[in-house]
Amino acid sequence: MGGDKAPDMVIAGCDTAQERHPNVEFLLFGDEARLNPLIAQTRYLKKAARVVHTAEFVSGDAKPAVALRSGRKSSMRLAIDAVRDGEAAGIVSAGNTGALMAMAKFVLKTLPGIDRPAIASLFPTTRGESVMLDLGANVQCDTNNLVQFAIMGEVFARAVLGLSQPSVGLLNVGSEEMKGHEELRAAAAWLRETHLPIRFHGFVEGDDVPAGTVDVVVTDGFTGNIALKIAEGTSKLYSGFLRGAFASSIFAKIGYLLAKSAINKVRLRTDPRRYNGAMLVGLNGIVVKSHGGTDALGFANALGVAIDMISHRLNDKIRDELAHLAPPPANDAVTT
């Protein structure tokens, strides 16, 4: 029931995902009076969906604490409960991000060795794609959090991107070792010295993210969310510039027709729907957050992220890595 165009968008997205993944079944939590007629019109979903009725849902502007306290019968909470109880292998929601994080952490708990979950997603780069985390779950992070994010991001890149040994970088204001705050430098020191098979690149700057300098970009949620929103806004800005330029004259319109094939390739490569679906890594269950303003195609892609995480046993791999994790060095051991 979450999302700007829910539940129509959600049902249509599930139908597309069912076509792509015919072995997957769906539990749909929400108002059956609204869901059942939509499901009946689908081509694939109606054969693989079951509705769990609830008239309650979390509004987009609900505060996380209020949603956690009063939303026990909401569609979001019941879906998370289903993952906890083993009735579902994962949850995908386009609803309230703060409420989803609060409820999922409360119900599912974090994996052993993880203090805080992080939001991870893919970024398009000149070399392909990279993983970036945290994208907004944790405004302030200490050394332990950053090290844990690095480990989870590295496993995520291996599972999703198929990389045997992805490179990891810490987002900083410069690449020099003395740059950045104390927690960041301490995390870098630990990652350089760890016995875990992490290929640590060192510090990376903002322009290294689109360049694809590393496969995994690690940062705190404050910086990561700002970087994400700037990237999304810049993409929309240039799209608007292009539309305006090609509509400016008859010759520009003719030029558009000649370049249409190339422009469509760029549009497909940078389409935010292609990268929709941010994973809440570090929870004891698969939880994927879809953008609330996406359409059916974007939601289907978010479902695909969850299906990939489940099939690649992401959490089991994170547990294996964390079992060998030693505590990072104390911050006061780092010198400048």
Protein backbone atom coordinates (compact mmCIF):
# COMPACT_ATOMS: atom_id res chain seq x y z
CA MET A 1 0.00 0.00 0.00
CA GLY A 2 3.07 2.26 0.00
CA GLY A 3 4.17 4.58 -2.80
CA ASP A 4 2.82 7.63 -4.59
CA LYS A 5 0.81 5.52 -7.05
CA ALA A 6 0.00 2.54 -4.85
CA PRO A 7 -1.52 0.04 -4.98
CA ASP A 8 -1.91 0.12 -8.78
CA MET A 9 1.82 0.59 -9.37
CA VAL A 10 2.72 -2.17 -6.91
CA ILE A 11 0.39 -4.72 -8.46
CA ALA A 12 1.55 -3.90 -11.99
CA GLY A 13 5.18 -4.17 -10.85
CA CYS A 14 4.54 -7.53 -9.23
CA ASP A 15 2.96 -8.75 -12.46
CA THR A 16 6.09 -7.78 -14.42
CA ALA A 17 8.32 -9.42 -11.82
CA GLN A 18 6.22 -12.58 -11.94
CA GLU A 19 6.75 -12.76 -15.69
CA ARG A 20 10.51 -12.42 -15.19
CA HIS A 21 10.67 -14.82 -12.23
CA PRO A 22 7.91 -17.41 -12.70
CA ASN A 23 9.01 -19.46 -9.67
CA VAL A 24 8.40 -16.61 -7.24
CA GLU A 25 5.17 -16.28 -5.26
CA PHE A 26 3.83 -13.08 -3.70
CA LEU A 27 2.16 -12.26 -0.40
CA LEU A 28 0.40 -8.92 -0.82
CA PHE A 29 -0.53 -7.06 2.36
CA GLY A 30 -3.27 -4.47 2.14
CA ASP A 31 -6.94 -3.74 1.57
CA GLU A 32 -8.32 -6.71 -0.34
CA ALA A 33 -11.21 -4.61 -1.68
CA ARG A 34 -8.64 -2.54 -3.57
CA LEU A 35 -6.11 -5.27 -4.33
CA ASN A 36 -8.26 -8.13 -5.57
CA PRO A 37 -9.78 -6.29 -8.57
CA LEU A 38 -6.31 -5.16 -9.65
CA ILE A 39 -4.86 -8.66 -9.32
CA ALA A 40 -7.75 -10.11 -11.32
CA GLN A 41 -6.73 -7.92 -14.27
CA THR A 42 -3.10 -9.11 -14.29
CA ARG A 43 -1.73 -11.67 -16.70
CA TYR A 44 0.78 -13.51 -14.51
CA LEU A 45 0.36 -12.37 -10.92
CA LYS A 46 -3.14 -13.73 -10.37
CA LYS A 47 -1.73 -17.26 -10.53
CA ALA A 48 0.94 -16.65 -7.91
CA ALA A 49 -0.42 -14.14 -5.41
CA ARG A 50 -2.19 -14.31 -2.08
CA VAL A 51 -3.66 -11.27 -0.33
CA VAL A 52 -3.40 -10.81 3.43
CA HIS A 53 -6.08 -8.30 4.32
CA THR A 54 -5.54 -5.24 6.46
CA ALA A 55 -7.18 -1.86 6.15
CA GLU A 56 -4.33 -0.13 7.99
CA PHE A 57 -1.26 1.30 6.30
CA VAL A 58 1.60 3.64 7.18
CA SER A 59 1.21 7.10 5.68
CA GLY A 60 4.10 8.71 3.85
CA ASP A 61 4.47 11.49 6.44
CA ALA A 62 4.18 9.30 9.54
CA LYS A 63 7.03 9.67 12.02
CA PRO A 64 8.98 6.40 12.49
CA ALA A 65 8.36 6.27 16.26
CA VAL A 66 4.62 6.76 15.78
CA ALA A 67 4.46 4.15 13.02
CA LEU A 68 6.38 1.68 15.18
CA ARG A 69 4.09 2.23 18.14
CA SER A 70 0.70 2.37 16.43
CA GLY A 71 1.23 0.45 13.17
CA ARG A 72 1.23 -3.13 14.44
CA LYS A 73 -1.60 -4.07 12.08
CA SER A 74 -0.40 -2.00 9.14
CA SER A 75 0.45 -3.61 5.80
CA MET A 76 4.12 -2.74 6.28
CA ARG A 77 4.37 -4.28 9.75
CA LEU A 78 2.51 -7.45 8.78
CA ALA A 79 4.80 -7.92 5.78
CA ILE A 80 7.88 -7.58 7.99
CA ASP A 81 6.36 -10.02 10.50
CA ALA A 82 5.93 -12.51 7.66
CA VAL A 83 9.69 -12.40 6.99
CA ARG A 84 10.45 -12.85 10.69
CA ASP A 85 8.08 -15.83 10.89
CA GLY A 86 9.47 -17.51 7.77
CA GLU A 87 6.30 -17.05 5.74
CA ALA A 88 8.19 -14.89 3.24
CA ALA A 89 11.84 -14.79 2.17
CA GLY A 90 11.97 -11.00 1.86
CA ILE A 91 9.98 -7.78 1.76
CA VAL A 92 9.85 -4.96 -0.79
CA SER A 93 8.12 -1.69 0.10
CA ALA A 94 7.72 1.68 -1.60
CA GLY A 95 6.37 3.19 1.61
CA ASN A 96 7.73 5.45 4.32
CA THR A 97 11.52 4.88 4.51
CA GLY A 98 11.93 5.87 8.16
CA ALA A 99 9.04 3.69 9.25
CA LEU A 100 10.34 0.74 7.22
CA MET A 101 13.80 1.04 8.78
CA ALA A 102 12.43 1.41 12.32
CA MET A 103 9.98 -1.48 12.01
CA ALA A 104 12.42 -3.80 10.25
CA LYS A 105 15.15 -3.19 12.80
CA PHE A 106 12.74 -3.69 15.70
CA VAL A 107 11.16 -6.87 14.31
CA LEU A 108 14.02 -8.56 12.44
CA LYS A 109 16.96 -7.29 14.55
CA THR A 110 20.43 -6.89 13.11
CA LEU A 111 22.81 -9.66 12.11
CA PRO A 112 25.33 -10.76 14.75
CA GLY A 113 28.23 -8.32 14.72
CA ILE A 114 26.27 -5.49 13.06
CA ASP A 115 25.46 -2.43 15.16
CA ARG A 116 23.37 -0.60 12.57
CA PRO A 117 21.85 -1.55 9.22
CA ALA A 118 22.75 0.56 6.19
CA ILE A 119 20.96 1.46 2.96
CA ALA A 120 22.91 0.18 -0.06
CA SER A 121 22.18 0.66 -3.74
CA LEU A 122 23.83 0.56 -7.16
CA PHE A 123 25.22 3.64 -8.93
CA PRO A 124 25.87 3.90 -12.68
CA THR A 125 29.52 4.66 -13.48
CA THR A 126 31.71 4.99 -16.55
CA ARG A 127 32.99 1.46 -15.83
CA GLY A 128 29.61 -0.14 -15.21
CA GLU A 129 28.05 -0.07 -11.75
CA SER A 130 29.23 0.37 -8.18
CA VAL A 131 27.69 -0.14 -4.75
CA MET A 132 27.30 2.79 -2.35
CA LEU A 133 26.32 2.73 1.32
CA ASP A 134 25.05 4.20 3.61
CA LEU A 135 22.49 6.27 1.71
CA GLY A 136 20.59 7.73 4.62
CA ALA A 137 19.93 5.27 7.42
CA ASN A 138 22.64 6.59 9.77
CA VAL A 139 23.41 10.30 9.90
CA GLN A 140 26.36 9.81 12.26
CA CYS A 141 28.70 6.82 12.08
CA ASP A 142 31.67 5.71 14.16
CA THR A 143 34.64 3.60 13.10
CA ASN A 144 32.87 0.30 13.78
CA ASN A 145 29.90 1.31 11.64
CA LEU A 146 32.10 2.26 8.68
CA VAL A 147 34.09 -0.98 8.89
CA GLN A 148 30.89 -3.00 9.03
CA PHE A 149 29.50 -1.07 6.05
CA ALA A 150 32.68 -1.87 4.12
CA ILE A 151 32.33 -5.59 4.81
CA MET A 152 28.62 -5.66 3.93
CA GLY A 153 29.18 -3.58 0.79
CA GLU A 154 31.97 -5.87 -0.36
CA VAL A 155 29.74 -8.94 0.05
CA PHE A 156 26.88 -7.10 -1.67
CA ALA A 157 29.12 -6.33 -4.67
CA ARG A 158 30.21 -9.95 -4.93
CA ALA A 159 26.61 -11.18 -4.77
CA VAL A 160 24.99 -8.60 -7.07
CA LEU A 161 27.76 -7.56 -9.46
CA GLY A 162 29.43 -10.96 -9.60
CA LEU A 163 32.87 -9.56 -8.78
CA SER A 164 35.35 -12.02 -7.28
CA GLN A 165 37.25 -9.35 -5.32
CA PRO A 166 35.62 -5.91 -5.49
CA SER A 167 37.62 -2.84 -4.51
CA VAL A 168 36.45 -0.77 -1.54
CA GLY A 169 36.94 2.95 -0.93
CA LEU A 170 35.99 5.35 1.87
CA LEU A 171 34.40 8.59 0.64
CA ASN A 172 36.44 11.53 1.91
CA VAL A 173 37.28 15.17 1.18
CA GLY A 174 40.62 14.10 -0.29
CA SER A 175 42.64 11.01 -1.09
CA GLU A 176 45.53 11.80 1.26
CA GLU A 177 45.82 9.69 4.41
CA MET A 178 45.67 12.70 6.75
CA LYS A 179 42.35 13.96 5.31
CA GLY A 180 38.97 13.43 6.98
CA HIS A 181 37.69 13.09 10.52
CA GLU A 182 39.13 10.75 13.12
CA GLU A 183 36.56 7.95 12.73
CA LEU A 184 37.15 7.86 8.98
CA ARG A 185 40.93 7.65 9.37
CA ALA A 186 40.58 4.92 11.99
CA ALA A 187 38.34 2.88 9.69
CA ALA A 188 40.88 3.26 6.88
CA ALA A 189 43.68 2.09 9.18
CA TRP A 190 41.71 -1.03 10.13
CA LEU A 191 40.80 -1.86 6.52
CA ARG A 192 44.44 -1.55 5.46
CA GLU A 193 45.55 -3.99 8.15
CA THR A 194 42.67 -6.47 8.23
CA HIS A 195 43.24 -10.15 7.58
CA LEU A 196 39.91 -10.34 5.74
CA PRO A 197 40.23 -10.62 1.94
CA ILE A 198 39.07 -7.04 1.31
CA ARG A 199 40.78 -5.14 -1.51
CA PHE A 200 40.89 -1.74 0.15
CA HIS A 201 41.67 1.10 -2.27
CA GLY A 202 41.86 3.88 0.31
CA PHE A 203 40.08 7.21 0.28
CA VAL A 204 38.04 8.33 -2.73
CA GLU A 205 36.52 11.71 -3.55
CA GLY A 206 33.13 12.67 -4.93
CA ASP A 207 34.19 12.59 -8.56
CA ASP A 208 35.54 9.05 -8.09
CA VAL A 209 31.98 7.77 -7.62
CA PRO A 210 30.73 8.32 -11.21
CA ALA A 211 34.20 7.46 -12.52
CA GLY A 212 33.91 3.98 -11.02
CA THR A 213 37.29 4.25 -9.28
CA VAL A 214 36.14 1.60 -6.78
CA ASP A 215 33.41 -1.02 -6.80
CA VAL A 216 32.17 -0.18 -3.28
CA VAL A 217 31.88 3.36 -1.89
CA VAL A 218 31.50 3.57 1.90
CA THR A 219 30.26 6.67 3.71
CA ASP A 220 27.96 7.81 6.49
CA GLY A 221 24.26 8.23 5.78
CA PHE A 222 24.36 12.03 5.92
CA THR A 223 26.96 12.32 3.17
CA GLY A 224 25.60 9.37 1.19
CA ASN A 225 22.05 10.70 1.05
CA ILE A 226 23.22 14.13 -0.10
CA ALA A 227 25.39 12.51 -2.79
CA LEU A 228 22.42 10.41 -3.94
CA LYS A 229 20.04 13.38 -4.16
CA ILE A 230 22.63 15.51 -5.99
CA ALA A 231 23.17 12.69 -8.52
CA GLU A 232 19.41 12.30 -9.06
CA GLY A 233 18.93 16.05 -9.36
CA THR A 234 21.81 16.44 -11.79
CA SER A 235 20.42 13.68 -13.97
CA LYS A 236 17.04 15.42 -14.12
CA LEU A 237 18.76 18.75 -14.80
CA TYR A 238 20.65 17.47 -17.82
CA SER A 239 17.57 15.65 -19.10
CA GLY A 240 15.73 18.96 -18.99
CA PHE A 241 18.60 20.72 -20.75
CA LEU A 242 18.53 18.13 -23.53
CA ARG A 243 14.77 18.36 -24.00
CA GLY A 244 14.96 22.14 -24.14
CA ALA A 245 17.88 22.12 -26.57
CA PHE A 246 16.25 19.67 -28.98
CA ALA A 247 12.99 21.62 -28.91
CA SER A 248 14.63 25.00 -29.51
CA SER A 249 14.44 25.01 -33.33
CA ILE A 250 13.40 22.98 -36.34
CA PHE A 251 17.02 22.05 -37.01
CA ALA A 252 17.42 20.88 -33.40
CA LYS A 253 14.33 18.69 -33.81
CA ILE A 254 15.78 17.18 -36.97
CA GLY A 255 19.02 16.60 -35.07
CA TYR A 256 17.05 14.79 -32.37
CA LEU A 257 15.51 12.46 -34.94
CA LEU A 258 18.97 11.64 -36.30
CA ALA A 259 20.40 11.07 -32.82
CA LYS A 260 17.32 9.39 -31.32
CA SER A 261 18.86 5.92 -31.21
CA ALA A 262 21.97 7.13 -29.34
CA ILE A 263 19.91 9.28 -26.99
CA ASN A 264 17.69 6.33 -26.12
CA LYS A 265 20.79 4.30 -25.19
CA VAL A 266 21.89 7.06 -22.81
CA ARG A 267 18.39 7.34 -21.39
CA LEU A 268 18.28 3.61 -20.75
CA ARG A 269 21.73 3.64 -19.16
CA THR A 270 20.83 6.43 -16.73
CA ASP A 271 17.16 5.58 -16.13
CA PRO A 272 16.67 5.72 -12.32
CA ARG A 273 14.11 2.94 -12.57
CA ARG A 274 16.92 0.62 -13.62
CA TYR A 275 18.66 1.18 -10.27
CA ASN A 276 15.53 1.25 -8.14
CA GLY A 277 15.63 -0.90 -5.05
CA ALA A 278 17.88 -0.04 -2.10
CA MET A 279 18.83 -2.91 0.18
CA LEU A 280 18.70 -2.47 3.96
CA VAL A 281 21.83 -4.53 4.59
CA GLY A 282 22.70 -5.77 8.06
CA LEU A 283 19.20 -6.86 9.07
CA ASN A 284 18.34 -10.45 9.91
CA GLY A 285 16.12 -10.66 6.84
CA ILE A 286 15.95 -9.34 3.27
CA VAL A 287 14.40 -5.86 3.16
CA VAL A 288 14.39 -3.72 -0.01
CA LYS A 289 13.17 -0.13 -0.22
CA SER A 290 11.69 1.01 -3.52
CA HIS A 291 11.51 4.70 -4.39
CA GLY A 292 8.02 5.92 -3.53
CA GLY A 293 7.68 7.83 -6.79
CA THR A 294 8.64 4.98 -9.12
CA ASP A 295 6.39 3.29 -11.65
CA ALA A 296 5.62 -0.39 -12.25
CA LEU A 297 8.88 -1.03 -14.09
CA GLY A 298 10.91 0.51 -11.28
CA PHE A 299 9.04 -1.51 -8.66
CA ALA A 300 9.61 -4.70 -10.65
CA ASN A 301 13.32 -3.92 -10.62
CA ALA A 302 13.22 -3.45 -6.83
CA LEU A 303 11.59 -6.87 -6.56
CA GLY A 304 14.41 -8.21 -8.71
CA VAL A 305 16.95 -6.87 -6.19
CA ALA A 306 15.22 -8.75 -3.38
CA ILE A 307 15.05 -11.94 -5.43
CA ASP A 308 18.78 -11.67 -6.21
CA MET A 309 19.63 -11.15 -2.53
CA ILE A 310 17.60 -14.18 -1.54
CA SER A 311 18.94 -16.46 -4.27
CA HIS A 312 22.55 -15.44 -3.56
CA ARG A 313 22.09 -15.95 0.20
CA LEU A 314 23.46 -12.49 0.95
CA ASN A 315 22.88 -12.61 4.70
CA ASP A 316 24.57 -15.98 5.07
CA LYS A 317 27.65 -14.60 3.31
CA ILE A 318 27.68 -11.51 5.53
CA ARG A 319 27.47 -13.73 8.61
CA ASP A 320 30.44 -15.75 7.37
CA GLU A 321 32.55 -12.62 6.92
CA LEU A 322 31.57 -11.14 10.28
CA ALA A 323 32.46 -14.35 12.07
CA HIS A 324 36.12 -13.57 11.28
CA LEU A 325 35.91 -9.87 12.10
CA ALA A 326 38.25 -8.49 14.75
CA PRO A 327 37.44 -5.18 16.48
CA PRO A 328 38.79 -2.09 14.69
CA PRO A 329 41.63 -0.29 16.44
CA ALA A 330 40.70 2.35 18.98
CA ASN A 331 40.32 5.82 17.54
CA ASP A 332 43.00 7.21 19.81
CA ALA A 333 45.50 4.83 18.24
CA VAL A 334 45.31 6.71 14.96
CA THR A 335 47.83 9.51 14.54
CA THR A 336 47.84 12.37 12.04
